[in-house]
């Protein structure tokens, strides 16, 4: 079983420097549309919208978050977790996430799991399936719920969370 995830690595953006210099280079402020949206955006969601506007001035902020594609690689996240050897090895073997593993003070493994947002999205979709081991699915459920909490739920807008009938986890299905 994998314990609760503890976020330890999150993106940090120097907004004033980005706004000032991007406007100088581009001739427009790519933060403008993201800042004008009716919805309050987390820093990470705002960055996705700004990156999209950096690439294309007319980009719509919420659509940019839903369809961020390769822009997700700009967001790096990491979690400290403890878990059983089998679950940790399953995550390590079947994803592009980076794991640094050590023995914890209990029989569990202490792990720092990192990846960019694209890697987290892919890994969660691959592991939030009915056939995945319970502990692995539960871990990725926690990851998805964390990202929803920090304003990145739109990254999974093409997926539906379906409750698993045998436990309190969910799995993902394409809409």
Protein backbone atom coordinates (compact mmCIF):
# COMPACT_ATOMS: atom_id res chain seq x y z
CA UNK A 1 0.00 0.00 0.00
CA UNK A 2 1.19 3.54 -0.73
CA UNK A 3 0.66 6.18 1.93
CA UNK A 4 -0.59 9.71 1.41
CA UNK A 5 1.37 11.76 -1.06
CA UNK A 6 3.26 14.78 0.25
CA UNK A 7 3.93 17.45 -2.39
CA UNK A 8 7.54 18.63 -2.24
CA UNK A 9 8.22 20.04 -5.73
CA UNK A 10 5.91 22.54 -7.42
CA UNK A 11 6.48 25.13 -10.18
CA UNK A 12 7.35 28.69 -9.27
CA UNK A 13 7.02 31.52 -11.81
CA UNK A 14 8.50 35.02 -11.68
CA UNK A 15 5.39 36.69 -13.09
CA UNK A 16 6.62 40.32 -13.18
CA UNK A 17 9.80 39.36 -15.04
CA UNK A 18 7.88 37.13 -17.45
CA UNK A 19 5.26 39.82 -18.18
CA UNK A 20 7.78 42.61 -18.69
CA UNK A 21 10.19 40.70 -20.88
CA UNK A 22 7.65 38.71 -22.88
CA UNK A 23 5.87 41.93 -23.81
CA UNK A 24 9.18 43.46 -24.90
CA UNK A 25 10.03 40.46 -27.07
CA UNK A 26 6.55 39.69 -28.43
CA UNK A 27 4.99 43.14 -28.56
CA UNK A 28 2.06 41.97 -26.45
CA UNK A 29 1.50 40.67 -22.94
CA UNK A 30 0.73 36.92 -23.02
CA UNK A 31 -0.64 37.15 -19.46
CA UNK A 32 -3.48 39.48 -20.46
CA UNK A 33 -6.12 36.89 -21.46
CA UNK A 34 -5.32 34.57 -18.56
CA UNK A 35 -5.66 37.47 -16.13
CA UNK A 36 -8.95 38.58 -17.70
CA UNK A 37 -10.72 35.22 -17.46
CA UNK A 38 -13.74 34.97 -15.14
CA UNK A 39 -12.25 31.95 -13.45
CA UNK A 40 -9.45 32.33 -10.93
CA UNK A 41 -6.50 30.28 -12.13
CA UNK A 42 -3.82 28.68 -10.00
CA UNK A 43 -0.26 29.65 -10.88
CA UNK A 44 0.22 26.35 -12.75
CA UNK A 45 -3.01 26.69 -14.74
CA UNK A 46 -2.20 30.33 -15.42
CA UNK A 47 1.25 29.33 -16.70
CA UNK A 48 -0.30 26.86 -19.16
CA UNK A 49 -2.64 29.58 -20.44
CA UNK A 50 0.25 32.06 -20.72
CA UNK A 51 2.47 29.55 -22.53
CA UNK A 52 -0.31 28.94 -25.00
CA UNK A 53 -0.78 32.71 -25.48
CA UNK A 54 2.99 33.04 -25.87
CA UNK A 55 2.75 30.62 -28.78
CA UNK A 56 -0.50 32.06 -30.19
CA UNK A 57 -1.83 35.46 -29.11
CA UNK A 58 -5.48 34.43 -29.68
CA UNK A 59 -5.33 31.33 -27.47
CA UNK A 60 -8.25 30.99 -25.06
CA UNK A 61 -7.07 30.34 -21.48
CA UNK A 62 -9.39 27.50 -20.43
CA UNK A 63 -9.13 25.75 -23.78
CA UNK A 64 -5.36 26.09 -23.50
CA UNK A 65 -5.40 24.27 -20.17
CA UNK A 66 -7.69 21.50 -21.45
CA UNK A 67 -5.52 20.94 -24.53
CA UNK A 68 -2.09 21.87 -23.21
CA UNK A 69 -0.33 18.94 -24.90
CA UNK A 70 3.44 19.38 -24.87
CA UNK A 71 3.14 22.55 -22.76
CA UNK A 72 2.52 20.25 -19.79
CA UNK A 73 6.25 19.47 -19.87
CA UNK A 74 6.95 22.92 -18.42
CA UNK A 75 5.32 21.99 -15.08
CA UNK A 76 7.44 19.83 -12.76
CA UNK A 77 5.93 18.17 -9.67
CA UNK A 78 7.34 15.83 -7.06
CA UNK A 79 5.89 13.90 -4.11
CA UNK A 80 7.34 12.13 -1.11
CA UNK A 81 5.58 8.81 -0.52
CA UNK A 82 6.07 5.57 1.36
CA UNK A 83 4.88 2.31 -0.08
CA UNK A 84 5.33 -1.40 -0.43
CA UNK A 85 8.03 -2.69 -2.76
CA UNK A 86 5.60 -4.23 -5.28
CA UNK A 87 3.57 -1.03 -5.77
CA UNK A 88 6.65 1.17 -6.05
CA UNK A 89 8.26 -1.15 -8.60
CA UNK A 90 5.01 -1.22 -10.61
CA UNK A 91 4.99 2.59 -10.81
CA UNK A 92 8.68 2.68 -11.66
CA UNK A 93 8.53 0.04 -14.38
CA UNK A 94 5.39 1.25 -16.12
CA UNK A 95 5.85 5.02 -16.29
CA UNK A 96 8.26 7.76 -17.32
CA UNK A 97 8.18 9.18 -13.79
CA UNK A 98 11.50 9.42 -11.97
CA UNK A 99 11.76 7.61 -8.64
CA UNK A 100 14.47 7.88 -6.01
CA UNK A 101 14.03 4.99 -3.61
CA UNK A 102 15.36 4.20 -0.16
CA UNK A 103 14.27 1.98 2.72
CA UNK A 104 12.08 3.81 5.25
CA UNK A 105 12.18 3.33 9.02
CA UNK A 106 9.31 0.86 8.60
CA UNK A 107 9.23 -2.05 6.15
CA UNK A 108 8.03 0.29 3.42
CA UNK A 109 10.12 2.04 0.80
CA UNK A 110 10.59 5.79 1.04
CA UNK A 111 10.30 7.32 -2.43
CA UNK A 112 10.50 10.70 -4.10
CA UNK A 113 8.51 10.54 -7.33
CA UNK A 114 8.94 13.38 -9.83
CA UNK A 115 7.84 14.15 -13.34
CA UNK A 116 6.52 16.84 -15.56
CA UNK A 117 2.78 17.31 -15.87
CA UNK A 118 2.64 15.40 -19.15
CA UNK A 119 4.33 12.40 -17.51
CA UNK A 120 1.92 12.58 -14.54
CA UNK A 121 -1.08 12.73 -16.89
CA UNK A 122 0.08 9.75 -18.97
CA UNK A 123 1.02 7.66 -15.91
CA UNK A 124 -2.28 8.36 -14.16
CA UNK A 125 -4.33 7.43 -17.23
CA UNK A 126 -2.32 4.21 -17.65
CA UNK A 127 -2.64 3.25 -13.96
CA UNK A 128 -6.19 4.38 -13.16
CA UNK A 129 -7.74 1.36 -14.81
CA UNK A 130 -9.84 -1.41 -13.24
CA UNK A 131 -7.07 -3.99 -13.79
CA UNK A 132 -4.38 -1.99 -11.96
CA UNK A 133 -3.39 -3.15 -8.47
CA UNK A 134 -5.46 -1.39 -5.83
CA UNK A 135 -2.50 0.40 -4.20
CA UNK A 136 -1.19 1.74 -7.52
CA UNK A 137 -4.64 2.94 -8.61
CA UNK A 138 -5.15 4.52 -5.16
CA UNK A 139 -1.81 6.34 -5.48
CA UNK A 140 -2.70 7.83 -8.85
CA UNK A 141 -6.19 8.70 -7.59
CA UNK A 142 -4.49 10.76 -4.87
CA UNK A 143 -2.24 12.38 -7.47
CA UNK A 144 -5.20 13.36 -9.67
CA UNK A 145 -7.12 14.71 -6.67
CA UNK A 146 -4.07 16.78 -5.68
CA UNK A 147 -3.82 18.26 -9.17
CA UNK A 148 -7.54 19.06 -9.11
CA UNK A 149 -7.04 20.82 -5.78
CA UNK A 150 -4.25 22.99 -7.22
CA UNK A 151 -6.36 24.03 -10.21
CA UNK A 152 -5.21 21.56 -12.85
CA UNK A 153 -8.30 19.36 -13.09
CA UNK A 154 -8.88 20.61 -16.64
CA UNK A 155 -5.82 18.62 -17.73
CA UNK A 156 -8.08 15.52 -17.45
CA UNK A 157 -11.12 17.17 -19.08
CA UNK A 158 -11.26 14.41 -21.70
CA UNK A 159 -11.50 11.74 -19.00
CA UNK A 160 -14.35 10.62 -16.74
CA UNK A 161 -13.76 9.35 -13.20
CA UNK A 162 -15.71 6.15 -12.66
CA UNK A 163 -15.99 4.67 -9.14
CA UNK A 164 -14.43 1.24 -8.85
CA UNK A 165 -17.09 -1.23 -7.63
CA UNK A 166 -14.80 -3.20 -5.32
CA UNK A 167 -13.06 -0.38 -3.42
CA UNK A 168 -13.22 3.37 -2.88
CA UNK A 169 -10.91 4.24 -5.77
CA UNK A 170 -11.84 5.46 -9.21
CA UNK A 171 -10.59 4.68 -12.66
CA UNK A 172 -10.44 6.87 -15.73
CA UNK A 173 -12.35 6.39 -18.96
CA UNK A 174 -12.27 8.52 -22.08
CA UNK A 175 -15.43 10.60 -22.44
